[in-house]
Amino acid sequence: MTILLIEDEPVVARQLEKLVRQLEPQATIAGPLPSVEQVADYLQNNPRPDLIISDIQLSDGVSFDVFGRLDVSCPIIFTTAYDEYAIRAFKLNSLDYLLKPIDPDDMQTALAKFHRWQPDGDNFQQQFRAFLTDMTGHSTQKTYKRRFTAHYLRQIVSVPQEQVACFCRDEVIYLHTLTGQKLITDYVTLDELEDLVDPAAFFRANRQYLVHLEAITGYQPHYSGKLLLTLRQPTSLEITISKDKAPAFRKWFEQS
């Protein structure tokens, strides 16, 4: 059988592919594909896969966007950090959903459910179309990442938003925690991250920093018009807001 993997985070994608190959050694693995555009191109130019394992939030949108445009009738296992998003989905149409970080036992259970699944074409497609209509047609609230993967020693760890102080670009993208840790991520740009995080919780201070509200205790005006942020200890970074961004920051900080 062919399994299509859809995942935009490089570290998670490699882990997912390794896990699925271990659990389904006879399967042909397609992907992982990181974007709505690439998924659409694959589904339009290749035979339908037997199973799709898909993240919800991708680099250029949500996977529902492409499933809504194309006739996707094969079962899907969703993987997501957004539990409420996934739960809504599978109240309507369910093979399974897995919350990140993915537990190998949960994936094995989901794949076993797939092997037991007996396709009821019309019923499956009707339920899936209803699900897509609900998610893409009636839901206008965007969801944002709440957990971020990073390297710690020889492990890949998942850091919840509540523990993030800021993201910093210095050749690579670092994640600084509120407890003072500095972890390497696999994100490529701060622009990418800025699109994934909640704008009510994170502010793009400058080209180098994307800072979390919970890390900021206050700010000091500078004679040049810039703002110098005061950060929660033990965070010892010096983060400034440019003169041009200062009014937007004041408004964001006061309304948060």
Protein backbone atom coordinates (compact mmCIF):
# COMPACT_ATOMS: atom_id res chain seq x y z
CA MET A 1 0.00 0.00 0.00
CA THR A 2 1.00 3.66 -0.38
CA ILE A 3 1.01 6.02 2.59
CA LEU A 4 1.25 9.77 1.96
CA LEU A 5 2.90 11.74 4.78
CA ILE A 6 2.10 15.46 5.18
CA GLU A 7 4.19 17.39 7.73
CA ASP A 8 5.92 20.79 7.56
CA GLU A 9 8.32 20.62 10.53
CA PRO A 10 11.56 18.95 9.32
CA VAL A 11 12.41 17.24 12.61
CA VAL A 12 8.89 15.93 13.13
CA ALA A 13 8.73 14.84 9.48
CA ARG A 14 11.87 12.73 9.81
CA GLN A 15 10.62 11.18 13.04
CA LEU A 16 7.23 10.45 11.51
CA GLU A 17 8.71 8.82 8.42
CA LYS A 18 11.04 6.68 10.53
CA LEU A 19 8.17 5.56 12.77
CA VAL A 20 5.83 4.69 9.90
CA ARG A 21 8.57 2.74 8.10
CA GLN A 22 9.16 0.73 11.28
CA LEU A 23 5.46 -0.02 11.73
CA GLU A 24 4.65 -0.57 8.03
CA PRO A 25 7.87 -1.96 6.46
CA GLN A 26 6.04 -3.22 3.36
CA ALA A 27 4.39 0.10 2.57
CA THR A 28 5.52 2.64 -0.02
CA ILE A 29 6.01 6.00 1.68
CA ALA A 30 5.30 9.18 -0.27
CA GLY A 31 6.48 12.51 1.14
CA PRO A 32 6.71 13.93 3.68
CA LEU A 33 5.18 16.98 1.97
CA PRO A 34 5.33 20.30 3.87
CA SER A 35 2.84 22.56 2.07
CA VAL A 36 -0.69 22.77 0.75
CA GLU A 37 0.69 23.52 -2.73
CA GLN A 38 2.89 20.41 -2.80
CA VAL A 39 0.09 18.20 -1.47
CA ALA A 40 -2.28 19.47 -4.15
CA ASP A 41 0.33 18.83 -6.85
CA TYR A 42 0.91 15.28 -5.59
CA LEU A 43 -2.79 14.37 -5.37
CA GLN A 44 -3.47 15.74 -8.85
CA ASN A 45 -0.58 13.92 -10.53
CA ASN A 46 -0.33 10.58 -8.72
CA PRO A 47 -2.61 7.63 -7.98
CA ARG A 48 -4.68 8.04 -4.85
CA PRO A 49 -2.78 6.80 -1.77
CA ASP A 50 -4.31 4.12 0.40
CA LEU A 51 -3.80 6.19 3.55
CA ILE A 52 -2.86 9.77 4.37
CA ILE A 53 -1.14 10.77 7.61
CA SER A 54 -1.45 14.53 7.77
CA ASP A 55 -0.61 17.47 9.99
CA ILE A 56 -3.28 20.17 10.10
CA GLN A 57 -1.23 23.37 10.14
CA LEU A 58 1.20 23.46 7.20
CA SER A 59 3.74 26.02 6.05
CA ASP A 60 1.30 27.79 3.72
CA GLY A 61 -2.10 27.03 5.22
CA VAL A 62 -4.09 24.14 6.65
CA SER A 63 -4.39 20.70 5.09
CA PHE A 64 -8.18 21.09 4.97
CA ASP A 65 -7.63 23.65 2.21
CA VAL A 66 -6.40 21.03 -0.25
CA PHE A 67 -8.73 18.27 0.95
CA GLY A 68 -11.62 20.66 0.36
CA ARG A 69 -10.58 21.38 -3.23
CA LEU A 70 -9.83 17.83 -4.33
CA ASP A 71 -11.83 14.62 -4.14
CA VAL A 72 -10.02 12.86 -1.30
CA SER A 73 -11.80 9.64 -0.43
CA CYS A 74 -9.07 7.65 1.33
CA PRO A 75 -8.90 7.48 5.14
CA ILE A 76 -6.79 10.06 6.94
CA ILE A 77 -4.95 9.99 10.25
CA PHE A 78 -4.50 13.56 11.42
CA THR A 79 -1.51 14.55 13.54
CA THR A 80 -1.68 17.89 15.32
CA ALA A 81 -0.69 19.93 18.33
CA TYR A 82 -4.16 21.48 18.35
CA ASP A 83 -6.32 19.10 20.35
CA GLU A 84 -9.54 21.11 20.08
CA TYR A 85 -9.10 21.40 16.31
CA ALA A 86 -8.62 17.66 15.93
CA ILE A 87 -11.41 16.67 18.28
CA ARG A 88 -13.90 18.73 16.28
CA ALA A 89 -12.72 17.00 13.14
CA PHE A 90 -13.14 13.49 14.38
CA LYS A 91 -16.52 14.02 15.89
CA LEU A 92 -17.62 14.25 12.27
CA ASN A 93 -15.38 11.85 10.42
CA SER A 94 -12.84 9.66 12.11
CA LEU A 95 -10.18 7.18 11.34
CA ASP A 96 -7.99 8.56 14.12
CA TYR A 97 -6.10 11.61 15.30
CA LEU A 98 -2.82 11.80 17.15
CA LEU A 99 -1.64 14.67 19.31
CA LYS A 100 1.99 15.77 19.04
CA PRO A 101 4.45 14.66 20.20
CA ILE A 102 3.29 11.41 18.64
CA ASP A 103 3.35 8.33 20.82
CA PRO A 104 4.52 5.26 18.82
CA ASP A 105 1.88 3.09 20.50
CA ASP A 106 -0.84 5.51 19.42
CA MET A 107 0.40 5.40 15.84
CA GLN A 108 0.46 1.61 15.91
CA THR A 109 -3.14 1.59 17.18
CA ALA A 110 -4.19 4.01 14.44
CA LEU A 111 -2.59 1.89 11.74
CA ALA A 112 -4.24 -1.22 13.15
CA LYS A 113 -7.57 0.60 12.90
CA PHE A 114 -6.77 1.37 9.25
CA HIS A 115 -6.16 -2.32 8.52
CA ARG A 116 -9.51 -3.17 10.12
CA TRP A 117 -11.28 -0.39 8.24
CA GLN A 118 -13.79 -1.54 5.62
CA PRO A 119 -14.42 1.23 3.09
CA ASP A 120 -18.01 2.32 2.74
CA GLY A 121 -17.32 4.73 -0.13
CA ASP A 122 -20.44 6.89 -0.27
CA ASN A 123 -20.85 7.14 3.48
CA PHE A 124 -17.16 7.94 4.04
CA GLN A 125 -17.09 10.62 1.36
CA GLN A 126 -20.34 12.20 2.59
CA GLN A 127 -19.00 12.43 6.13
CA PHE A 128 -15.66 13.75 4.94
CA ARG A 129 -17.27 16.44 2.77
CA ALA A 130 -19.42 17.49 5.75
CA PHE A 131 -16.29 17.69 7.85
CA LEU A 132 -14.48 19.85 5.27
CA THR A 133 -17.48 22.14 4.90
CA ASP A 134 -17.55 22.65 8.64
CA MET A 135 -13.81 23.32 8.92
CA THR A 136 -13.23 25.43 5.81
CA GLY A 137 -16.62 27.00 5.29
CA HIS A 138 -17.90 27.86 8.74
CA SER A 139 -14.83 28.14 10.92
CA THR A 140 -13.11 31.52 10.60
CA GLN A 141 -10.93 31.29 13.69
CA LYS A 142 -7.32 30.59 12.81
CA THR A 143 -5.41 28.23 15.05
CA TYR A 144 -1.81 28.77 16.06
CA LYS A 145 1.06 26.60 17.16
CA ARG A 146 1.13 25.91 20.89
CA ARG A 147 4.18 23.64 20.98
CA PHE A 148 7.57 23.94 19.25
CA THR A 149 10.17 21.24 18.61
CA ALA A 150 13.83 21.90 19.41
CA HIS A 151 17.11 20.08 20.03
CA TYR A 152 18.20 19.41 23.61
CA LEU A 153 21.39 17.36 24.02
CA ARG A 154 20.70 14.36 21.76
CA GLN A 155 16.95 14.55 22.05
CA ILE A 156 14.17 16.30 20.19
CA VAL A 157 11.95 18.00 22.74
CA SER A 158 8.57 19.69 22.50
CA VAL A 159 8.41 23.08 24.21
CA PRO A 160 4.94 24.46 25.07
CA GLN A 161 4.24 28.08 24.26
CA GLU A 162 3.99 28.93 27.96
CA GLN A 163 7.70 28.15 28.40
CA VAL A 164 8.95 30.20 25.43
CA ALA A 165 10.67 33.54 26.10
CA CYS A 166 11.55 34.35 22.49
CA PHE A 167 12.90 33.10 19.19
CA CYS A 168 16.22 34.52 18.02
CA ARG A 169 17.82 34.44 14.57
CA ASP A 170 21.61 34.07 14.78
CA GLU A 171 22.66 31.96 11.76
CA VAL A 172 20.06 29.43 12.96
CA ILE A 173 16.79 30.00 14.82
CA TYR A 174 17.18 29.58 18.57
CA LEU A 175 14.38 29.10 21.08
CA HIS A 176 15.04 30.76 24.45
CA THR A 177 12.96 29.48 27.35
CA LEU A 178 11.75 31.38 30.39
CA THR A 179 14.11 29.26 32.50
CA GLY A 180 17.17 30.43 30.55
CA GLN A 181 17.70 27.52 28.15
CA LYS A 182 18.88 28.19 24.58
CA LEU A 183 17.72 25.47 22.19
CA ILE A 184 18.32 25.07 18.47
CA THR A 185 15.26 24.67 16.24
CA ASP A 186 14.88 23.57 12.63
CA TYR A 187 12.87 26.60 11.59
CA VAL A 188 14.43 28.47 8.67
CA THR A 189 13.21 32.05 9.16
CA LEU A 190 11.47 34.21 11.73
CA ASP A 191 8.94 35.09 9.04
CA GLU A 192 7.91 31.43 9.00
CA LEU A 193 7.51 31.40 12.78
CA GLU A 194 5.69 34.71 12.86
CA ASP A 195 3.00 33.22 10.64
CA LEU A 196 2.59 30.20 12.93
CA VAL A 197 2.37 31.89 16.34
CA ASP A 198 -0.51 33.76 17.96
CA PRO A 199 -0.01 37.51 17.30
CA ALA A 200 -1.69 38.27 20.62
CA ALA A 201 1.09 36.35 22.39
CA PHE A 202 4.17 37.11 20.24
CA PHE A 203 5.57 40.35 18.83
CA ARG A 204 8.18 40.69 16.07
CA ALA A 205 10.56 43.08 17.82
CA ASN A 206 13.05 43.39 14.96
CA ARG A 207 14.81 41.27 12.34
CA GLN A 208 16.46 39.15 15.02
CA TYR A 209 13.79 38.58 17.69
CA LEU A 210 10.25 37.29 17.98
CA VAL A 211 9.39 37.80 21.64
CA HIS A 212 6.69 36.24 23.84
CA LEU A 213 4.47 38.46 25.96
CA GLU A 214 5.10 36.32 29.06
CA ALA A 215 8.81 37.17 28.90
CA ILE A 216 8.25 40.95 29.01
CA THR A 217 7.88 42.74 32.34
CA GLY A 218 8.06 46.25 30.87
CA TYR A 219 10.01 48.58 28.59
CA GLN A 220 12.15 51.70 28.73
CA PRO A 221 11.87 54.52 26.17
CA HIS A 222 15.15 55.54 24.53
CA TYR A 223 15.95 59.10 23.39
CA SER A 224 16.25 57.80 19.81
CA GLY A 225 12.62 56.70 19.83
CA LYS A 226 13.44 53.04 20.29
CA LEU A 227 12.16 50.93 23.20
CA LEU A 228 14.36 48.69 25.35
CA LEU A 229 12.46 45.68 26.69
CA THR A 230 12.78 44.57 30.29
CA LEU A 231 12.62 40.77 30.36
CA ARG A 232 11.72 38.29 33.04
CA GLN A 233 14.75 36.75 34.75
CA PRO A 234 16.83 34.71 34.09
CA THR A 235 16.39 35.88 30.47
CA SER A 236 19.34 38.22 29.93
CA LEU A 237 18.89 39.22 26.28
CA GLU A 238 18.85 42.84 25.14
CA ILE A 239 15.87 43.25 22.83
CA THR A 240 14.99 46.62 21.35
CA ILE A 241 11.93 47.76 19.43
CA SER A 242 12.69 50.03 16.49
CA LYS A 243 11.34 53.58 16.36
CA ASP A 244 8.99 52.61 13.53
CA LYS A 245 7.56 49.65 15.46
CA ALA A 246 7.36 51.41 18.84
CA PRO A 247 3.74 52.68 18.45
CA ALA A 248 2.50 49.23 17.36
CA PHE A 249 4.33 47.59 20.27
CA ARG A 250 2.87 50.00 22.84
CA LYS A 251 -0.62 49.27 21.56
CA TRP A 252 0.00 45.51 21.54
CA PHE A 253 1.53 45.52 25.02
CA GLU A 254 -1.24 47.64 26.54
CA GLN A 255 -4.03 45.58 25.01
CA SER A 256 -2.57 42.19 25.86
